[in-house]
Amino acid sequence: MEPYFFPALWEQRRICIARTLYEHHVHSVLEVGCGEGNVLSFLVSPSPNDEHPITRLCGIDINNAALDLAYERLQPNDDDKRDLRVDPLSVQLFHGDASVPVPDLSVDAVVCTEVIEHVDEHVGAPALTHAVLGGYNPLLAVFTTPNAEFNVNFPGLAYGTPDARFRDDDHKFEWSREQFRSWAEGAADKYGYTVAIRGIGLSMRNPIAGFDPYGGCTQMAVFTRNAVDSTTHSDVVTGSPPRLYASTEYPVFTQPQLSSIALQKLVRKFALDICNTQHIFQLDDLWDILEIKQQFKRCRALEKWLDTQATYSASQTNELYTVNT
């Protein structure tokens, strides 16, 4: 059996990207080089932190066919239309050169995953870096790219020999860890960011003899904008900016909150459904119920409401509640 990643490497990347976005409490995300919308569709699901929902997703790509697939993938499905989300979500797709910023497009975060290695190292990579960090100047930027040193674990790539190949025929280069760090730190200094680097894909199932992760199959740089940025970005941007290709609005719950009595009945019904034989239930289990989310919008609001109701008694940590009979 050939070596493989578990979970799949693409899944590990998307999980790392999503967790990074959630940890930094961003509300709007742009993906440059979004392709068929795989990462954007991964972010459609509501953030686990309901206090900081992602309400806007944008993508840019130069390939019309890929954007068509992204548009289809990012359409609200039957579940979205039936189980109305609490927070709005808008999706915008742009067609054009990702190295030219979209005028007046402001987002909290920009993601550039497995893209930079597809452009010329000496012209395209600096232009793309400038567009992301100098043009959009987001609070947060995430780049991922292959770690060339890891290729030694793929015998077919003949890494370190005259017959060495890249992982993809369209790759223009693949950076070692030192090259990637040099680029990332240089970009951070130039554009006023702090950068942290980590590896993704540190282990494989059924690895080759002598397997060494060399820092991970994928390397990721997370740029966080400094509070004060006095850097002057003098790069000249040429070319036509991307244009809006398609947009989508997800259906959202807009009905008014139930009356006080109806709300009490609704909460009690679900609380009794999920509690154990001692009439104890977890706050998180109650919050997982869509009808509860639609009424309270935020878990903190549900918690405060429960604390005002004589029907419920909270534990010291407010994680467990008892239904008083």
C-alpha atoms as a PDB file:
ATOM      1  CA  MET A   1       0.000   0.000   0.000  1.00  0.00           C
ATOM      2  CA  GLU A   2       1.248   3.476  -0.870  1.00  0.00           C
ATOM      3  CA  PRO A   3       1.875   6.052   1.888  1.00  0.00           C
ATOM      4  CA  TYR A   4      -1.123   8.271   2.568  1.00  0.00           C
ATOM      5  CA  PHE A   5      -2.342  10.971   4.908  1.00  0.00           C
ATOM      6  CA  PHE A   6      -5.166  10.476   7.389  1.00  0.00           C
ATOM      7  CA  PRO A   7      -7.097  12.693   7.475  1.00  0.00           C
ATOM      8  CA  ALA A   8      -6.365  13.586   3.858  1.00  0.00           C
ATOM      9  CA  LEU A   9      -3.865  16.412   3.484  1.00  0.00           C
ATOM     10  CA  TRP A  10      -6.415  18.688   1.813  1.00  0.00           C
ATOM     11  CA  GLU A  11      -8.734  18.178   4.773  1.00  0.00           C
ATOM     12  CA  GLN A  12      -5.964  18.919   7.276  1.00  0.00           C
ATOM     13  CA  ARG A  13      -5.209  22.157   5.422  1.00  0.00           C
ATOM     14  CA  ARG A  14      -8.812  23.295   5.418  1.00  0.00           C
ATOM     15  CA  ILE A  15      -9.231  22.490   9.099  1.00  0.00           C
ATOM     16  CA  CYS A  16      -6.067  24.455   9.973  1.00  0.00           C
ATOM     17  CA  ILE A  17      -7.188  27.421   7.875  1.00  0.00           C
ATOM     18  CA  ALA A  18     -10.694  27.434   9.358  1.00  0.00           C
ATOM     19  CA  ARG A  19      -9.417  27.157  12.932  1.00  0.00           C
ATOM     20  CA  THR A  20      -7.017  30.041  12.329  1.00  0.00           C
ATOM     21  CA  LEU A  21      -9.828  32.223  10.999  1.00  0.00           C
ATOM     22  CA  TYR A  22     -12.105  31.324  13.905  1.00  0.00           C
ATOM     23  CA  GLU A  23      -9.374  31.974  16.472  1.00  0.00           C
ATOM     24  CA  HIS A  24      -8.869  35.493  15.112  1.00  0.00           C
ATOM     25  CA  HIS A  25     -12.611  36.261  15.161  1.00  0.00           C
ATOM     26  CA  VAL A  26     -12.815  37.399  11.551  1.00  0.00           C
ATOM     27  CA  HIS A  27     -16.179  38.202   9.989  1.00  0.00           C
ATOM     28  CA  SER A  28     -15.198  38.476   6.316  1.00  0.00           C
ATOM     29  CA  VAL A  29     -12.811  36.329   4.263  1.00  0.00           C
ATOM     30  CA  LEU A  30     -11.361  36.630   0.766  1.00  0.00           C
ATOM     31  CA  GLU A  31      -9.690  33.683  -0.917  1.00  0.00           C
ATOM     32  CA  VAL A  32      -7.351  34.605  -3.773  1.00  0.00           C
ATOM     33  CA  GLY A  33      -7.086  31.795  -6.279  1.00  0.00           C
ATOM     34  CA  CYS A  34     -10.270  30.194  -4.970  1.00  0.00           C
ATOM     35  CA  GLY A  35     -10.537  27.692  -7.828  1.00  0.00           C
ATOM     36  CA  GLU A  36     -13.638  25.540  -7.554  1.00  0.00           C
ATOM     37  CA  GLY A  37     -14.563  26.950  -4.142  1.00  0.00           C
ATOM     38  CA  ASN A  38     -13.435  24.029  -1.995  1.00  0.00           C
ATOM     39  CA  VAL A  39     -12.083  26.166   0.854  1.00  0.00           C
ATOM     40  CA  LEU A  40     -14.899  28.713   0.685  1.00  0.00           C
ATOM     41  CA  SER A  41     -17.537  25.978   0.824  1.00  0.00           C
ATOM     42  CA  PHE A  42     -15.746  24.574   3.885  1.00  0.00           C
ATOM     43  CA  LEU A  43     -16.292  27.965   5.562  1.00  0.00           C
ATOM     44  CA  VAL A  44     -20.010  28.179   4.771  1.00  0.00           C
ATOM     45  CA  SER A  45     -20.938  26.251   7.909  1.00  0.00           C
ATOM     46  CA  PRO A  46     -21.498  28.610  10.852  1.00  0.00           C
ATOM     47  CA  SER A  47     -18.455  29.336  12.993  1.00  0.00           C
ATOM     48  CA  PRO A  48     -18.287  27.369  16.256  1.00  0.00           C
ATOM     49  CA  ASN A  49     -17.928  30.742  17.999  1.00  0.00           C
ATOM     50  CA  ASP A  50     -21.387  32.269  17.575  1.00  0.00           C
ATOM     51  CA  GLU A  51     -20.181  35.617  18.917  1.00  0.00           C
ATOM     52  CA  HIS A  52     -17.974  36.053  15.833  1.00  0.00           C
ATOM     53  CA  PRO A  53     -19.760  34.624  12.783  1.00  0.00           C
ATOM     54  CA  ILE A  54     -18.329  34.793   9.285  1.00  0.00           C
ATOM     55  CA  THR A  55     -20.926  36.759   7.333  1.00  0.00           C
ATOM     56  CA  ARG A  56     -19.096  37.424   4.073  1.00  0.00           C
ATOM     57  CA  LEU A  57     -17.068  35.143   1.815  1.00  0.00           C
ATOM     58  CA  CYS A  58     -15.309  36.337  -1.340  1.00  0.00           C
ATOM     59  CA  GLY A  59     -13.260  34.488  -3.924  1.00  0.00           C
ATOM     60  CA  ILE A  60     -11.118  35.468  -6.891  1.00  0.00           C
ATOM     61  CA  ASP A  61      -9.959  33.264  -9.734  1.00  0.00           C
ATOM     62  CA  ILE A  62      -8.871  33.743 -13.324  1.00  0.00           C
ATOM     63  CA  ASN A  63     -10.477  30.514 -14.549  1.00  0.00           C
ATOM     64  CA  ASN A  64     -14.098  30.855 -15.704  1.00  0.00           C
ATOM     65  CA  ALA A  65     -14.792  27.139 -15.557  1.00  0.00           C
ATOM     66  CA  ALA A  66     -13.495  26.940 -11.990  1.00  0.00           C
ATOM     67  CA  LEU A  67     -15.665  29.900 -10.975  1.00  0.00           C
ATOM     68  CA  ASP A  68     -18.725  28.229 -12.498  1.00  0.00           C
ATOM     69  CA  LEU A  69     -18.080  25.182 -10.326  1.00  0.00           C
ATOM     70  CA  ALA A  70     -17.445  27.392  -7.293  1.00  0.00           C
ATOM     71  CA  TYR A  71     -20.736  29.184  -7.864  1.00  0.00           C
ATOM     72  CA  GLU A  72     -22.605  25.881  -8.025  1.00  0.00           C
ATOM     73  CA  ARG A  73     -20.832  24.569  -4.931  1.00  0.00           C
ATOM     74  CA  LEU A  74     -21.603  27.722  -2.952  1.00  0.00           C
ATOM     75  CA  GLN A  75     -25.326  27.805  -3.679  1.00  0.00           C
ATOM     76  CA  PRO A  76     -27.633  27.305  -0.674  1.00  0.00           C
ATOM     77  CA  ASN A  77     -28.781  23.692  -0.610  1.00  0.00           C
ATOM     78  CA  ASP A  78     -32.084  22.255   0.581  1.00  0.00           C
ATOM     79  CA  ASP A  79     -30.833  22.100   4.171  1.00  0.00           C
ATOM     80  CA  ASP A  80     -29.857  25.779   4.060  1.00  0.00           C
ATOM     81  CA  LYS A  81     -33.327  26.682   2.818  1.00  0.00           C
ATOM     82  CA  ARG A  82     -35.059  24.553   5.433  1.00  0.00           C
ATOM     83  CA  ASP A  83     -32.823  25.116   8.460  1.00  0.00           C
ATOM     84  CA  LEU A  84     -32.508  28.879   8.300  1.00  0.00           C
ATOM     85  CA  ARG A  85     -29.236  30.192   9.683  1.00  0.00           C
ATOM     86  CA  VAL A  86     -29.128  32.784  12.430  1.00  0.00           C
ATOM     87  CA  ASP A  87     -26.579  35.127  10.844  1.00  0.00           C
ATOM     88  CA  PRO A  88     -26.569  36.354   7.248  1.00  0.00           C
ATOM     89  CA  LEU A  89     -23.990  35.096   4.781  1.00  0.00           C
ATOM     90  CA  SER A  90     -23.165  36.708   1.465  1.00  0.00           C
ATOM     91  CA  VAL A  91     -20.855  35.185  -1.143  1.00  0.00           C
ATOM     92  CA  GLN A  92     -19.153  37.127  -3.925  1.00  0.00           C
ATOM     93  CA  LEU A  93     -16.999  35.647  -6.676  1.00  0.00           C
ATOM     94  CA  PHE A  94     -14.677  37.779  -8.804  1.00  0.00           C
ATOM     95  CA  HIS A  95     -13.068  36.941 -12.129  1.00  0.00           C
ATOM     96  CA  GLY A  96      -9.600  38.185 -12.905  1.00  0.00           C
ATOM     97  CA  ASP A  97      -5.952  38.333 -11.929  1.00  0.00           C
ATOM     98  CA  ALA A  98      -5.586  37.741  -8.191  1.00  0.00           C
ATOM     99  CA  SER A  99      -2.377  39.764  -8.133  1.00  0.00           C
ATOM    100  CA  VAL A 100      -4.408  42.932  -8.847  1.00  0.00           C
ATOM    101  CA  PRO A 101      -6.555  43.986  -5.855  1.00  0.00           C
ATOM    102  CA  VAL A 102     -10.289  44.518  -6.260  1.00  0.00           C
ATOM    103  CA  PRO A 103     -10.904  48.252  -5.692  1.00  0.00           C
ATOM    104  CA  ASP A 104     -12.624  49.100  -2.403  1.00  0.00           C
ATOM    105  CA  LEU A 105     -12.878  45.451  -1.344  1.00  0.00           C
ATOM    106  CA  SER A 106     -12.249  45.390   2.397  1.00  0.00           C
ATOM    107  CA  VAL A 107     -12.082  42.119   4.348  1.00  0.00           C
ATOM    108  CA  ASP A 108     -10.803  40.984   7.729  1.00  0.00           C
ATOM    109  CA  ALA A 109      -8.826  38.053   6.350  1.00  0.00           C
ATOM    110  CA  VAL A 110      -7.276  36.866   3.089  1.00  0.00           C
ATOM    111  CA  VAL A 111      -6.484  33.222   2.367  1.00  0.00           C
ATOM    112  CA  CYS A 112      -4.037  32.140  -0.326  1.00  0.00           C
ATOM    113  CA  THR A 113      -3.754  28.377  -0.152  1.00  0.00           C
ATOM    114  CA  GLU A 114      -1.681  26.293  -2.592  1.00  0.00           C
ATOM    115  CA  VAL A 115      -1.612  29.168  -5.101  1.00  0.00           C
ATOM    116  CA  ILE A 116       1.663  31.044  -4.863  1.00  0.00           C
ATOM    117  CA  GLU A 117       3.676  28.103  -6.255  1.00  0.00           C
ATOM    118  CA  HIS A 118       1.621  28.345  -9.468  1.00  0.00           C
ATOM    119  CA  VAL A 119       2.993  31.795 -10.402  1.00  0.00           C
ATOM    120  CA  ASP A 120       6.462  32.924 -11.409  1.00  0.00           C
ATOM    121  CA  GLU A 121       8.707  33.037  -8.346  1.00  0.00           C
ATOM    122  CA  HIS A 122      10.395  36.332  -9.223  1.00  0.00           C
ATOM    123  CA  VAL A 123       7.466  38.273 -10.729  1.00  0.00           C
ATOM    124  CA  GLY A 124       4.163  36.618  -9.856  1.00  0.00           C
ATOM    125  CA  ALA A 125       4.954  35.745  -6.230  1.00  0.00           C
ATOM    126  CA  PRO A 126       5.957  39.319  -5.260  1.00  0.00           C
ATOM    127  CA  ALA A 127       2.892  40.697  -7.085  1.00  0.00           C
ATOM    128  CA  LEU A 128       0.566  38.275  -5.307  1.00  0.00           C
ATOM    129  CA  THR A 129       2.203  39.013  -1.952  1.00  0.00           C
ATOM    130  CA  HIS A 130       1.755  42.741  -2.533  1.00  0.00           C
ATOM    131  CA  ALA A 131      -1.886  42.337  -3.524  1.00  0.00           C
ATOM    132  CA  VAL A 132      -2.671  40.405  -0.346  1.00  0.00           C
ATOM    133  CA  LEU A 133      -0.602  42.239   2.258  1.00  0.00           C
ATOM    134  CA  GLY A 134      -0.133  45.641   0.644  1.00  0.00           C
ATOM    135  CA  GLY A 135      -3.327  45.941  -1.389  1.00  0.00           C
ATOM    136  CA  TYR A 136      -6.004  44.444   0.875  1.00  0.00           C
ATOM    137  CA  ASN A 137      -3.920  44.978   4.032  1.00  0.00           C
ATOM    138  CA  PRO A 138      -6.146  42.629   6.054  1.00  0.00           C
ATOM    139  CA  LEU A 139      -6.010  42.039   9.781  1.00  0.00           C
ATOM    140  CA  LEU A 140      -5.078  38.428   9.023  1.00  0.00           C
ATOM    141  CA  ALA A 141      -3.579  36.637   6.026  1.00  0.00           C
ATOM    142  CA  VAL A 142      -2.948  32.912   5.611  1.00  0.00           C
ATOM    143  CA  PHE A 143      -0.658  31.410   2.967  1.00  0.00           C
ATOM    144  CA  THR A 144       0.013  27.729   2.410  1.00  0.00           C
ATOM    145  CA  THR A 145       2.402  26.113  -0.063  1.00  0.00           C
ATOM    146  CA  PRO A 146       4.188  22.763  -0.457  1.00  0.00           C
ATOM    147  CA  ASN A 147       7.313  22.110   1.592  1.00  0.00           C
ATOM    148  CA  ALA A 148       9.872  20.959  -0.989  1.00  0.00           C
ATOM    149  CA  GLU A 149      11.952  19.108   1.612  1.00  0.00           C
ATOM    150  CA  PHE A 150       9.059  16.766   2.360  1.00  0.00           C
ATOM    151  CA  ASN A 151       9.228  15.495  -1.220  1.00  0.00           C
ATOM    152  CA  VAL A 152      11.950  13.070  -0.154  1.00  0.00           C
ATOM    153  CA  ASN A 153       9.078  10.974   1.238  1.00  0.00           C
ATOM    154  CA  PHE A 154       7.616  10.613  -2.264  1.00  0.00           C
ATOM    155  CA  PRO A 155      10.151   8.417  -4.102  1.00  0.00           C
ATOM    156  CA  GLY A 156       8.523   9.133  -7.456  1.00  0.00           C
ATOM    157  CA  LEU A 157       9.524  12.803  -7.199  1.00  0.00           C
ATOM    158  CA  ALA A 158      13.235  11.920  -7.051  1.00  0.00           C
ATOM    159  CA  TYR A 159      13.875  14.823  -4.689  1.00  0.00           C
ATOM    160  CA  GLY A 160      17.529  15.882  -4.496  1.00  0.00           C
ATOM    161  CA  THR A 161      18.491  14.275  -7.786  1.00  0.00           C
ATOM    162  CA  PRO A 162      18.924  15.713 -11.313  1.00  0.00           C
ATOM    163  CA  ASP A 163      15.582  14.059 -12.198  1.00  0.00           C
ATOM    164  CA  ALA A 164      13.662  15.770  -9.385  1.00  0.00           C
ATOM    165  CA  ARG A 165      10.086  16.826 -10.198  1.00  0.00           C
ATOM    166  CA  PHE A 166       7.555  19.104  -8.526  1.00  0.00           C
ATOM    167  CA  ARG A 167       4.383  17.668  -7.038  1.00  0.00           C
ATOM    168  CA  ASP A 168       2.282  19.241  -9.797  1.00  0.00           C
ATOM    169  CA  ASP A 169       3.243  19.896 -13.398  1.00  0.00           C
ATOM    170  CA  ASP A 170       1.890  23.451 -13.090  1.00  0.00           C
ATOM    171  CA  HIS A 171       4.101  24.343 -10.125  1.00  0.00           C
ATOM    172  CA  LYS A 172       6.658  26.989 -11.035  1.00  0.00           C
ATOM    173  CA  PHE A 173       8.675  26.432  -7.854  1.00  0.00           C
ATOM    174  CA  GLU A 174       8.503  24.716  -4.471  1.00  0.00           C
ATOM    175  CA  TRP A 175      10.174  26.325  -1.475  1.00  0.00           C
ATOM    176  CA  SER A 176      12.226  24.698   1.241  1.00  0.00           C
ATOM    177  CA  ARG A 177      11.482  25.676   4.813  1.00  0.00           C
ATOM    178  CA  GLU A 178      14.334  28.183   4.809  1.00  0.00           C
ATOM    179  CA  GLN A 179      13.149  29.769   1.556  1.00  0.00           C
ATOM    180  CA  PHE A 180       9.571  29.948   2.812  1.00  0.00           C
ATOM    181  CA  ARG A 181      10.600  31.524   6.108  1.00  0.00           C
ATOM    182  CA  SER A 182      12.809  34.035   4.299  1.00  0.00           C
ATOM    183  CA  TRP A 183       9.901  35.068   2.053  1.00  0.00           C
ATOM    184  CA  ALA A 184       7.428  35.230   4.942  1.00  0.00           C
ATOM    185  CA  GLU A 185       9.642  37.236   7.270  1.00  0.00           C
ATOM    186  CA  GLY A 186      10.629  39.616   4.471  1.00  0.00           C
ATOM    187  CA  ALA A 187       6.977  40.179   3.572  1.00  0.00           C
ATOM    188  CA  ALA A 188       6.036  40.704   7.213  1.00  0.00           C
ATOM    189  CA  ASP A 189       8.750  43.325   7.659  1.00  0.00           C
ATOM    190  CA  LYS A 190       7.839  45.113   4.441  1.00  0.00           C
ATOM    191  CA  TYR A 191       4.089  45.299   4.985  1.00  0.00           C
ATOM    192  CA  GLY A 192       3.881  45.674   8.753  1.00  0.00           C
ATOM    193  CA  TYR A 193       2.896  42.211   9.954  1.00  0.00           C
ATOM    194  CA  THR A 194       3.956  39.617  12.475  1.00  0.00           C
ATOM    195  CA  VAL A 195       4.220  36.147  10.992  1.00  0.00           C
ATOM    196  CA  ALA A 196       4.030  32.666  12.511  1.00  0.00           C
ATOM    197  CA  ILE A 197       4.924  29.538  10.556  1.00  0.00           C
ATOM    198  CA  ARG A 198       3.713  26.011  11.132  1.00  0.00           C
ATOM    199  CA  GLY A 199       3.651  22.689   9.319  1.00  0.00           C
ATOM    200  CA  ILE A 200       0.658  20.633   8.200  1.00  0.00           C
ATOM    201  CA  GLY A 201       0.797  16.927   7.438  1.00  0.00           C
ATOM    202  CA  LEU A 202       3.424  15.791   9.895  1.00  0.00           C
ATOM    203  CA  SER A 203       2.733  12.079   9.672  1.00  0.00           C
ATOM    204  CA  MET A 204       1.641   9.491   7.132  1.00  0.00           C
ATOM    205  CA  ARG A 205       0.059   6.076   7.228  1.00  0.00           C
ATOM    206  CA  ASN A 206       2.244   3.314   5.771  1.00  0.00           C
ATOM    207  CA  PRO A 207       5.249   5.669   5.399  1.00  0.00           C
ATOM    208  CA  ILE A 208       8.394   4.793   3.507  1.00  0.00           C
ATOM    209  CA  ALA A 209      11.383   3.471   5.419  1.00  0.00           C
ATOM    210  CA  GLY A 210      13.275   6.309   7.059  1.00  0.00           C
ATOM    211  CA  PHE A 211      10.290   8.680   6.890  1.00  0.00           C
ATOM    212  CA  ASP A 212      11.096  12.215   8.107  1.00  0.00           C
ATOM    213  CA  PRO A 213       8.395  14.925   8.192  1.00  0.00           C
ATOM    214  CA  TYR A 214      10.866  17.769   7.622  1.00  0.00           C
ATOM    215  CA  GLY A 215       8.416  20.182   9.223  1.00  0.00           C
ATOM    216  CA  GLY A 216       5.320  18.950   7.395  1.00  0.00           C
ATOM    217  CA  CYS A 217       4.154  18.302   3.847  1.00  0.00           C
ATOM    218  CA  THR A 218       2.494  21.732   3.703  1.00  0.00           C
ATOM    219  CA  GLN A 219       3.906  24.886   5.270  1.00  0.00           C
ATOM    220  CA  MET A 220       1.587  27.629   6.453  1.00  0.00           C
ATOM    221  CA  ALA A 221       2.348  31.265   7.251  1.00  0.00           C
ATOM    222  CA  VAL A 222      -0.112  33.260   9.359  1.00  0.00           C
ATOM    223  CA  PHE A 223       0.324  37.021   9.099  1.00  0.00           C
ATOM    224  CA  THR A 224      -1.280  39.251  11.728  1.00  0.00           C
ATOM    225  CA  ARG A 225      -1.249  42.970  11.044  1.00  0.00           C
ATOM    226  CA  ASN A 226       0.668  45.103  13.526  1.00  0.00           C
ATOM    227  CA  ALA A 227      -1.319  47.670  15.478  1.00  0.00           C
ATOM    228  CA  VAL A 228       0.696  50.512  13.989  1.00  0.00           C
ATOM    229  CA  ASP A 229       1.903  50.169  10.410  1.00  0.00           C
ATOM    230  CA  SER A 230       3.981  53.085   9.167  1.00  0.00           C
ATOM    231  CA  THR A 231       5.362  51.157   6.199  1.00  0.00           C
ATOM    232  CA  THR A 232       5.051  52.805   2.796  1.00  0.00           C
ATOM    233  CA  HIS A 233       4.050  50.328   0.101  1.00  0.00           C
ATOM    234  CA  SER A 234       5.473  51.762  -3.110  1.00  0.00           C
ATOM    235  CA  ASP A 235       4.895  48.774  -5.395  1.00  0.00           C
ATOM    236  CA  VAL A 236       3.210  49.695  -8.661  1.00  0.00           C
ATOM    237  CA  VAL A 237       0.166  47.561  -9.500  1.00  0.00           C
ATOM    238  CA  THR A 238      -0.563  47.086 -13.196  1.00  0.00           C
ATOM    239  CA  GLY A 239      -3.368  45.287 -14.976  1.00  0.00           C
ATOM    240  CA  SER A 240      -7.143  45.326 -14.822  1.00  0.00           C
ATOM    241  CA  PRO A 241      -8.702  44.507 -11.449  1.00  0.00           C
ATOM    242  CA  PRO A 242     -10.991  41.479 -11.118  1.00  0.00           C
ATOM    243  CA  ARG A 243     -14.680  42.057 -11.772  1.00  0.00           C
ATOM    244  CA  LEU A 244     -17.720  40.708  -9.955  1.00  0.00           C
ATOM    245  CA  TYR A 245     -18.639  37.370 -11.492  1.00  0.00           C
ATOM    246  CA  ALA A 246     -21.508  36.157  -9.326  1.00  0.00           C
ATOM    247  CA  SER A 247     -23.010  36.680  -5.892  1.00  0.00           C
ATOM    248  CA  THR A 248     -25.245  34.716  -3.541  1.00  0.00           C
ATOM    249  CA  GLU A 249     -27.169  35.484  -0.371  1.00  0.00           C
ATOM    250  CA  TYR A 250     -27.972  32.659   2.023  1.00  0.00           C
ATOM    251  CA  PRO A 251     -31.476  32.578   3.490  1.00  0.00           C
ATOM    252  CA  VAL A 252     -31.577  33.710   7.096  1.00  0.00           C
ATOM    253  CA  PHE A 253     -34.086  33.416   9.935  1.00  0.00           C
ATOM    254  CA  THR A 254     -35.939  36.736  10.247  1.00  0.00           C
ATOM    255  CA  GLN A 255     -39.091  35.870  12.154  1.00  0.00           C
ATOM    256  CA  PRO A 256     -39.769  37.803  15.384  1.00  0.00           C
ATOM    257  CA  GLN A 257     -38.984  36.171  18.711  1.00  0.00           C
ATOM    258  CA  LEU A 258     -41.726  34.129  20.317  1.00  0.00           C
ATOM    259  CA  SER A 259     -43.786  35.544  23.133  1.00  0.00           C
ATOM    260  CA  SER A 260     -42.486  35.007  26.647  1.00  0.00           C
ATOM    261  CA  ILE A 261     -44.853  32.120  27.347  1.00  0.00           C
ATOM    262  CA  ALA A 262     -44.263  30.448  23.982  1.00  0.00           C
ATOM    263  CA  LEU A 263     -40.504  30.763  24.476  1.00  0.00           C
ATOM    264  CA  GLN A 264     -40.704  29.156  27.913  1.00  0.00           C
ATOM    265  CA  LYS A 265     -42.683  26.240  26.460  1.00  0.00           C
ATOM    266  CA  LEU A 266     -40.237  25.804  23.589  1.00  0.00           C
ATOM    267  CA  VAL A 267     -37.169  25.724  25.829  1.00  0.00           C
ATOM    268  CA  ARG A 268     -38.776  23.406  28.355  1.00  0.00           C
ATOM    269  CA  LYS A 269     -39.826  20.965  25.615  1.00  0.00           C
ATOM    270  CA  PHE A 270     -36.288  20.652  24.249  1.00  0.00           C
ATOM    271  CA  ALA A 271     -34.683  20.695  27.699  1.00  0.00           C
ATOM    272  CA  LEU A 272     -36.792  17.729  28.773  1.00  0.00           C
ATOM    273  CA  ASP A 273     -36.008  15.933  25.525  1.00  0.00           C
ATOM    274  CA  ILE A 274     -32.254  16.085  26.118  1.00  0.00           C
ATOM    275  CA  CYS A 275     -31.955  15.830  29.905  1.00  0.00           C
ATOM    276  CA  ASN A 276     -30.986  12.642  31.710  1.00  0.00           C
ATOM    277  CA  THR A 277     -32.946  10.737  34.323  1.00  0.00           C
ATOM    278  CA  GLN A 278     -31.928  13.319  36.947  1.00  0.00           C
ATOM    279  CA  HIS A 279     -33.435  16.086  34.782  1.00  0.00           C
ATOM    280  CA  ILE A 280     -29.964  17.500  34.059  1.00  0.00           C
ATOM    281  CA  PHE A 281     -28.900  18.765  30.647  1.00  0.00           C
ATOM    282  CA  GLN A 282     -25.841  20.443  29.164  1.00  0.00           C
ATOM    283  CA  LEU A 283     -26.061  23.996  27.911  1.00  0.00           C
ATOM    284  CA  ASP A 284     -24.168  23.047  24.738  1.00  0.00           C
ATOM    285  CA  ASP A 285     -26.696  20.329  23.922  1.00  0.00           C
ATOM    286  CA  LEU A 286     -29.553  22.773  24.209  1.00  0.00           C
ATOM    287  CA  TRP A 287     -27.692  25.341  22.109  1.00  0.00           C
ATOM    288  CA  ASP A 288     -27.151  22.763  19.351  1.00  0.00           C
ATOM    289  CA  ILE A 289     -30.898  22.786  18.641  1.00  0.00           C
ATOM    290  CA  LEU A 290     -31.644  25.029  15.666  1.00  0.00           C
ATOM    291  CA  GLU A 291     -34.957  26.353  16.980  1.00  0.00           C
ATOM    292  CA  ILE A 292     -33.179  27.512  20.147  1.00  0.00           C
ATOM    293  CA  LYS A 293     -30.464  29.266  18.136  1.00  0.00           C
ATOM    294  CA  GLN A 294     -33.051  31.007  15.992  1.00  0.00           C
ATOM    295  CA  GLN A 295     -34.769  32.428  19.056  1.00  0.00           C
ATOM    296  CA  PHE A 296     -31.726  33.509  21.064  1.00  0.00           C
ATOM    297  CA  LYS A 297     -29.155  34.213  18.305  1.00  0.00           C
ATOM    298  CA  ARG A 298     -26.254  33.930  20.768  1.00  0.00           C
ATOM    299  CA  CYS A 299     -25.448  31.234  23.330  1.00  0.00           C
ATOM    300  CA  ARG A 300     -24.669  33.931  25.875  1.00  0.00           C
ATOM    301  CA  ALA A 301     -28.229  35.265  25.509  1.00  0.00           C
ATOM    302  CA  LEU A 302     -29.639  31.771  26.136  1.00  0.00           C
ATOM    303  CA  GLU A 303     -27.468  31.384  29.221  1.00  0.00           C
ATOM    304  CA  LYS A 304     -28.612  34.720  30.635  1.00  0.00           C
ATOM    305  CA  TRP A 305     -32.239  33.830  29.942  1.00  0.00           C
ATOM    306  CA  LEU A 306     -31.933  30.464  31.707  1.00  0.00           C
ATOM    307  CA  ASP A 307     -30.462  32.206  34.742  1.00  0.00           C
ATOM    308  CA  THR A 308     -33.618  34.343  35.038  1.00  0.00           C
ATOM    309  CA  GLN A 309     -35.975  31.381  34.940  1.00  0.00           C
ATOM    310  CA  ALA A 310     -36.995  29.681  38.172  1.00  0.00           C
ATOM    311  CA  THR A 311     -37.600  26.529  36.136  1.00  0.00           C
ATOM    312  CA  TYR A 312     -33.854  25.953  35.777  1.00  0.00           C
ATOM    313  CA  SER A 313     -30.964  25.730  38.221  1.00  0.00           C
ATOM    314  CA  ALA A 314     -27.395  26.170  36.986  1.00  0.00           C
ATOM    315  CA  SER A 315     -24.238  24.448  38.144  1.00  0.00           C
ATOM    316  CA  GLN A 316     -21.326  26.578  39.346  1.00  0.00           C
ATOM    317  CA  THR A 317     -19.821  26.711  35.855  1.00  0.00           C
ATOM    318  CA  ASN A 318     -23.189  27.202  34.068  1.00  0.00           C
ATOM    319  CA  GLU A 319     -22.373  24.200  31.879  1.00  0.00           C
ATOM    320  CA  LEU A 320     -25.047  21.972  33.442  1.00  0.00           C
ATOM    321  CA  TYR A 321     -28.660  22.883  34.204  1.00  0.00           C
ATOM    322  CA  THR A 322     -31.339  21.085  36.151  1.00  0.00           C
ATOM    323  CA  VAL A 323     -34.994  21.251  35.117  1.00  0.00           C
ATOM    324  CA  ASN A 324     -36.871  21.956  38.324  1.00  0.00           C
ATOM    325  CA  THR A 325     -40.133  20.043  38.574  1.00  0.00           C
END
